[in-house]
């Protein structure tokens, strides 16, 4: 009877080890994805800043035209 208990315990431990291994792989994949998304986010922020600057310049030109009219 104690042998059955040990076999069940061994099976549960193996299942836990397998689950932990899968979760560790998932964590690594998510870290890589997070890094890629962080890079993409930085690029989008730079594009956003560039567009804001262009809009400021254009609005400044419109203000100059309105002042001259």
N, C-alpha and C. Protein backbone atom coordinates (compact mmCIF):
# COMPACT_ATOMS: atom_id res chain seq x y z
N UNK A 1 0.81 -1.19 0.00
CA UNK A 1 0.00 0.00 0.00
C UNK A 1 0.86 1.26 0.00
N UNK A 2 1.92 1.28 0.74
CA UNK A 2 2.77 2.46 0.75
C UNK A 2 3.48 2.63 -0.59
N UNK A 3 3.66 1.52 -1.32
CA UNK A 3 4.26 1.62 -2.65
C UNK A 3 3.35 2.38 -3.59
N UNK A 4 2.03 2.15 -3.50
CA UNK A 4 1.06 2.89 -4.31
C UNK A 4 1.11 4.38 -3.99
N UNK A 5 1.22 4.68 -2.72
CA UNK A 5 1.29 6.09 -2.30
C UNK A 5 2.54 6.73 -2.88
N UNK A 6 3.67 6.03 -2.84
CA UNK A 6 4.92 6.56 -3.40
C UNK A 6 4.81 6.75 -4.91
N UNK A 7 4.17 5.81 -5.60
CA UNK A 7 3.98 5.95 -7.05
C UNK A 7 3.10 7.15 -7.39
N UNK A 8 2.05 7.34 -6.62
CA UNK A 8 1.17 8.50 -6.84
C UNK A 8 1.92 9.80 -6.56
N UNK A 9 2.69 9.79 -5.49
CA UNK A 9 3.48 10.98 -5.16
C UNK A 9 4.50 11.27 -6.26
N UNK A 10 5.15 10.22 -6.76
CA UNK A 10 6.11 10.38 -7.84
C UNK A 10 5.44 10.95 -9.09
N UNK A 11 4.26 10.45 -9.40
CA UNK A 11 3.53 10.94 -10.58
C UNK A 11 3.16 12.42 -10.40
N UNK A 12 2.73 12.78 -9.21
CA UNK A 12 2.37 14.19 -8.95
C UNK A 12 3.60 15.08 -9.03
N UNK A 13 4.71 14.60 -8.49
CA UNK A 13 5.95 15.39 -8.55
C UNK A 13 6.39 15.55 -10.00
N UNK A 14 6.31 14.49 -10.79
CA UNK A 14 6.70 14.57 -12.20
C UNK A 14 5.80 15.54 -12.96
N UNK A 15 4.49 15.48 -12.67
CA UNK A 15 3.55 16.41 -13.31
C UNK A 15 3.90 17.84 -12.93
N UNK A 16 4.25 18.07 -11.67
CA UNK A 16 4.61 19.41 -11.22
C UNK A 16 5.88 19.89 -11.92
N UNK A 17 6.87 18.99 -12.03
CA UNK A 17 8.12 19.34 -12.70
C UNK A 17 7.86 19.67 -14.17
N UNK A 18 7.02 18.89 -14.82
CA UNK A 18 6.68 19.14 -16.22
C UNK A 18 5.97 20.49 -16.38
N UNK A 19 5.04 20.76 -15.47
CA UNK A 19 4.32 22.03 -15.52
C UNK A 19 5.26 23.20 -15.30
N UNK A 20 6.17 23.07 -14.35
CA UNK A 20 7.14 24.14 -14.09
C UNK A 20 8.02 24.37 -15.31
N UNK A 21 8.45 23.30 -15.96
CA UNK A 21 9.28 23.44 -17.16
C UNK A 21 8.54 24.16 -18.27
N UNK A 22 7.28 23.78 -18.48
CA UNK A 22 6.47 24.45 -19.50
C UNK A 22 6.28 25.93 -19.17
N UNK A 23 6.02 26.22 -17.90
CA UNK A 23 5.83 27.61 -17.49
C UNK A 23 7.12 28.42 -17.64
N UNK A 24 8.26 27.81 -17.37
CA UNK A 24 9.53 28.51 -17.56
C UNK A 24 9.76 28.84 -19.03
N UNK A 25 9.41 27.90 -19.92
CA UNK A 25 9.55 28.17 -21.35
C UNK A 25 8.62 29.28 -21.78
N UNK A 26 7.40 29.26 -21.23
CA UNK A 26 6.43 30.31 -21.56
C UNK A 26 6.92 31.67 -21.08
N UNK A 27 7.51 31.70 -19.89
CA UNK A 27 8.04 32.96 -19.35
C UNK A 27 9.14 33.49 -20.27
N UNK A 28 10.03 32.61 -20.74
CA UNK A 28 11.10 33.05 -21.64
C UNK A 28 10.54 33.60 -22.94
N UNK A 29 9.53 32.93 -23.49
CA UNK A 29 8.90 33.41 -24.71
C UNK A 29 8.26 34.77 -24.49
N UNK A 30 7.60 34.93 -23.35
CA UNK A 30 6.96 36.21 -23.05
C UNK A 30 7.98 37.32 -22.83
N UNK A 31 9.12 36.98 -22.24
CA UNK A 31 10.19 37.98 -22.08
C UNK A 31 10.69 38.44 -23.44
N UNK A 32 10.88 37.49 -24.36
CA UNK A 32 11.33 37.84 -25.70
C UNK A 32 10.29 38.71 -26.41
N UNK A 33 9.02 38.31 -26.29
CA UNK A 33 7.95 39.09 -26.91
C UNK A 33 7.89 40.49 -26.31
N UNK A 34 8.05 40.58 -25.01
CA UNK A 34 8.04 41.87 -24.32
C UNK A 34 9.17 42.76 -24.83
N UNK A 35 10.34 42.16 -25.04
CA UNK A 35 11.46 42.93 -25.57
C UNK A 35 11.17 43.46 -26.96
N UNK A 36 10.60 42.61 -27.80
CA UNK A 36 10.26 43.05 -29.16
C UNK A 36 9.21 44.16 -29.12
N UNK A 37 8.21 44.00 -28.27
CA UNK A 37 7.17 45.02 -28.17
C UNK A 37 7.71 46.31 -27.57
N UNK A 38 8.67 46.19 -26.68
CA UNK A 38 9.30 47.39 -26.13
C UNK A 38 10.04 48.16 -27.21
N UNK A 39 10.73 47.42 -28.09
CA UNK A 39 11.42 48.07 -29.20
C UNK A 39 10.43 48.74 -30.15
N UNK A 40 9.34 48.02 -30.44
CA UNK A 40 8.32 48.58 -31.33
C UNK A 40 7.67 49.81 -30.70
N UNK A 41 7.43 49.75 -29.40
CA UNK A 41 6.85 50.88 -28.70
C UNK A 41 7.77 52.10 -28.78
N UNK A 42 9.06 51.88 -28.63
CA UNK A 42 10.02 52.98 -28.71
C UNK A 42 10.01 53.60 -30.10
N UNK A 43 9.95 52.77 -31.13
CA UNK A 43 9.89 53.29 -32.50
C UNK A 43 8.62 54.10 -32.71
N UNK A 44 7.50 53.60 -32.21
CA UNK A 44 6.24 54.33 -32.36
C UNK A 44 6.27 55.66 -31.61
N UNK A 45 6.90 55.68 -30.44
CA UNK A 45 7.02 56.93 -29.71
C UNK A 45 7.86 57.94 -30.50
N UNK A 46 8.93 57.46 -31.12
CA UNK A 46 9.76 58.35 -31.92
C UNK A 46 8.98 58.89 -33.11
N UNK A 47 8.20 58.03 -33.75
CA UNK A 47 7.38 58.49 -34.88
C UNK A 47 6.35 59.50 -34.39
N UNK A 48 5.75 59.24 -33.25
CA UNK A 48 4.76 60.15 -32.68
C UNK A 48 5.39 61.52 -32.40
N UNK A 49 6.56 61.50 -31.80
CA UNK A 49 7.26 62.76 -31.52
C UNK A 49 7.59 63.50 -32.80
N UNK A 50 8.01 62.77 -33.84
CA UNK A 50 8.33 63.40 -35.12
C UNK A 50 7.08 64.04 -35.73
N UNK A 51 5.96 63.34 -35.67
CA UNK A 51 4.72 63.90 -36.20
C UNK A 51 4.28 65.13 -35.41
N UNK A 52 4.43 65.07 -34.11
CA UNK A 52 4.07 66.24 -33.30
C UNK A 52 4.92 67.45 -33.68
N UNK A 53 6.19 67.22 -33.89
CA UNK A 53 7.08 68.32 -34.28
C UNK A 53 6.68 68.88 -35.65
N UNK A 54 6.37 68.00 -36.58
CA UNK A 54 5.94 68.46 -37.91
C UNK A 54 4.66 69.27 -37.82
N UNK A 55 3.72 68.81 -36.97
CA UNK A 55 2.46 69.55 -36.81
C UNK A 55 2.71 70.92 -36.18
N UNK A 56 3.60 71.00 -35.21
CA UNK A 56 3.93 72.29 -34.60
C UNK A 56 4.49 73.25 -35.64
N UNK A 57 5.35 72.74 -36.50
CA UNK A 57 5.94 73.58 -37.55
C UNK A 57 4.85 74.07 -38.49
N UNK A 58 3.96 73.15 -38.90
CA UNK A 58 2.89 73.54 -39.81
C UNK A 58 1.94 74.54 -39.16
N UNK A 59 1.60 74.33 -37.90
CA UNK A 59 0.73 75.29 -37.21
C UNK A 59 1.41 76.63 -37.06
N UNK A 60 2.72 76.62 -36.85
CA UNK A 60 3.46 77.87 -36.78
C UNK A 60 3.41 78.61 -38.10
N UNK A 61 3.50 77.88 -39.20
CA UNK A 61 3.42 78.52 -40.52
C UNK A 61 2.03 79.09 -40.75
N UNK A 62 0.99 78.37 -40.32
CA UNK A 62 -0.38 78.86 -40.48
C UNK A 62 -0.56 80.12 -39.66
N UNK A 63 -0.02 80.15 -38.44
CA UNK A 63 -0.10 81.35 -37.60
C UNK A 63 0.58 82.53 -38.27
N UNK A 64 1.74 82.29 -38.91
CA UNK A 64 2.47 83.36 -39.60
C UNK A 64 1.63 83.90 -40.76
N UNK A 65 0.98 83.02 -41.49
CA UNK A 65 0.16 83.46 -42.62
C UNK A 65 -1.01 84.28 -42.11
N UNK A 66 -1.63 83.84 -41.03
CA UNK A 66 -2.78 84.58 -40.47
C UNK A 66 -2.36 85.94 -39.97
N UNK A 67 -1.15 86.05 -39.41
CA UNK A 67 -0.68 87.33 -38.92
C UNK A 67 -0.42 88.29 -40.06
N UNK A 68 0.00 87.77 -41.21
CA UNK A 68 0.31 88.61 -42.36
C UNK A 68 -0.92 89.01 -43.15
N UNK A 69 -2.04 88.38 -42.85
CA UNK A 69 -3.26 88.69 -43.62
C UNK A 69 -3.97 89.87 -43.08
